[in-house]
Amino acid sequence: MEVLIQVNTSGEESKFGVHPSGTADLIKAVAQLGTLKVKGLMTIGLLSVEAEKVRVCFQLLRKLRDEIGAMEIANVEMKELSMGMSGDLDIAIAEGATIVRVGTAVFGQRPTPDSFYWNENTQVS
């Protein structure tokens, strides 16, 4: 199965993903699993109206992709950068995104907020 590794480039507690400093180690571990092939990285940018602050998140992901790609890890192909959503896709594309998520632009606002589905205060057992 082809997978992307999610990186928390914004540092926001509301976002999921590996810390940027742990990305290479996680990818090396995943690369050892015979059923998964790492195809690239993904992130959700900082929730901000300040474009340059959002841009920093995307630049960090691109830098990580380039650094990890240069390591030439077996079973890892740093081809994809999934970053940017409806509100910041122009910045993401300018910073090298190969995949953008545009659900809100296509379907409109969700009637039920994300927190309904991903309540961070609920513990999974």
Protein backbone atom coordinates (compact mmCIF):
# COMPACT_ATOMS: atom_id res chain seq x y z
CA MET A 1 0.00 0.00 0.00
CA GLU A 2 1.30 3.44 -0.89
CA VAL A 3 1.23 5.89 2.03
CA LEU A 4 2.09 9.47 2.90
CA ILE A 5 3.60 10.38 6.27
CA GLN A 6 1.78 13.22 8.01
CA VAL A 7 4.04 15.85 9.56
CA ASN A 8 2.87 18.48 12.03
CA THR A 9 4.66 21.45 10.48
CA SER A 10 2.59 24.08 12.31
CA GLY A 11 3.29 22.88 15.84
CA GLU A 12 -0.38 23.31 16.67
CA GLU A 13 -1.72 20.83 19.24
CA SER A 14 -4.91 20.52 17.21
CA LYS A 15 -2.95 19.01 14.31
CA PHE A 16 -1.77 15.45 14.03
CA GLY A 17 1.42 14.06 12.57
CA VAL A 18 5.00 13.37 13.45
CA HIS A 19 7.17 16.23 14.69
CA PRO A 20 9.44 17.43 11.87
CA SER A 21 12.56 16.32 13.77
CA GLY A 22 11.25 12.75 13.96
CA THR A 23 10.15 12.43 10.35
CA ALA A 24 13.24 10.71 8.94
CA ASP A 25 13.34 8.16 11.77
CA LEU A 26 9.65 7.33 11.32
CA ILE A 27 10.10 6.93 7.58
CA LYS A 28 13.06 4.62 8.10
CA ALA A 29 10.92 2.48 10.42
CA VAL A 30 7.95 2.40 8.04
CA ALA A 31 10.27 1.52 5.15
CA GLN A 32 11.06 -1.73 6.98
CA LEU A 33 7.43 -2.85 6.68
CA GLY A 34 7.05 -4.93 3.56
CA THR A 35 3.41 -3.99 2.95
CA LEU A 36 3.86 -0.20 2.93
CA LYS A 37 5.65 2.05 0.46
CA VAL A 38 6.24 5.66 1.47
CA LYS A 39 5.37 7.93 -1.47
CA GLY A 40 5.83 11.29 0.22
CA LEU A 41 4.69 13.65 2.95
CA MET A 42 1.54 15.48 3.93
CA THR A 43 0.67 18.35 6.25
CA ILE A 44 -2.08 20.76 7.16
CA GLY A 45 -0.77 24.29 7.30
CA LEU A 46 -1.11 26.71 10.16
CA LEU A 47 -4.65 28.00 10.66
CA SER A 48 -3.90 31.67 10.01
CA VAL A 49 -4.93 34.51 7.72
CA GLU A 50 -1.24 35.50 7.52
CA ALA A 51 -0.08 33.88 4.29
CA GLU A 52 3.62 34.02 5.13
CA LYS A 53 3.09 32.08 8.37
CA VAL A 54 1.22 29.40 6.43
CA ARG A 55 3.92 29.38 3.76
CA VAL A 56 6.57 28.49 6.37
CA CYS A 57 4.73 25.22 7.08
CA PHE A 58 4.76 24.26 3.40
CA GLN A 59 8.38 25.26 2.96
CA LEU A 60 9.33 23.06 5.91
CA LEU A 61 7.54 20.07 4.40
CA ARG A 62 9.26 20.58 1.04
CA LYS A 63 12.64 20.83 2.78
CA LEU A 64 11.98 17.59 4.68
CA ARG A 65 10.94 15.87 1.46
CA ASP A 66 14.16 16.96 -0.25
CA GLU A 67 16.37 15.94 2.68
CA ILE A 68 14.74 12.53 3.09
CA GLY A 69 14.75 11.95 -0.66
CA ALA A 70 18.50 12.56 -0.71
CA MET A 71 18.93 9.73 1.83
CA GLU A 72 17.81 7.23 -0.83
CA ILE A 73 16.04 4.96 1.67
CA ALA A 74 14.88 1.65 0.17
CA ASN A 75 11.08 1.42 -0.24
CA VAL A 76 10.76 5.22 -0.01
CA GLU A 77 9.96 7.50 -2.91
CA MET A 78 9.64 11.14 -1.91
CA LYS A 79 7.45 11.99 -4.90
CA GLU A 80 4.33 13.50 -3.33
CA LEU A 81 3.73 16.60 -1.22
CA SER A 82 0.15 16.73 -0.03
CA MET A 83 -0.39 20.16 1.44
CA GLY A 84 -2.91 22.91 1.05
CA MET A 85 -6.65 22.98 1.33
CA SER A 86 -9.33 25.21 -0.14
CA GLY A 87 -8.22 28.30 1.81
CA ASP A 88 -4.47 28.08 1.18
CA LEU A 89 -4.04 25.98 -1.95
CA ASP A 90 -2.43 28.83 -3.92
CA ILE A 91 0.39 29.06 -1.39
CA ALA A 92 0.78 25.28 -1.28
CA ILE A 93 1.01 25.01 -5.06
CA ALA A 94 3.60 27.80 -5.15
CA GLU A 95 5.63 25.83 -2.58
CA GLY A 96 5.53 22.57 -4.54
CA ALA A 97 2.34 20.73 -3.60
CA THR A 98 1.53 17.77 -5.84
CA ILE A 99 -1.76 17.04 -4.04
CA VAL A 100 -4.22 19.58 -2.60
CA ARG A 101 -7.44 18.91 -0.71
CA VAL A 102 -10.28 21.12 -1.89
CA GLY A 103 -13.41 19.61 -0.34
CA THR A 104 -14.76 22.88 1.03
CA ALA A 105 -14.31 24.65 -2.32
CA VAL A 106 -16.18 21.85 -4.09
CA PHE A 107 -18.82 20.87 -1.52
CA GLY A 108 -19.07 23.92 0.74
CA GLN A 109 -18.82 24.09 4.51
CA ARG A 110 -19.61 20.90 6.39
CA PRO A 111 -22.87 20.98 8.32
CA THR A 112 -21.15 19.12 11.16
CA PRO A 113 -17.82 20.49 12.45
CA ASP A 114 -14.69 18.34 12.37
CA SER A 115 -14.65 18.29 16.17
CA PHE A 116 -17.75 16.07 16.03
CA TYR A 117 -15.73 13.36 14.29
CA TRP A 118 -12.33 13.97 15.86
CA ASN A 119 -12.95 15.01 19.41
CA GLU A 120 -9.48 15.24 20.88
CA ASN A 121 -10.87 14.92 24.41
CA THR A 122 -12.32 11.45 23.73
CA GLN A 123 -10.05 8.55 24.53
CA VAL A 124 -10.11 5.56 22.23
CA SER A 125 -9.91 2.23 23.98
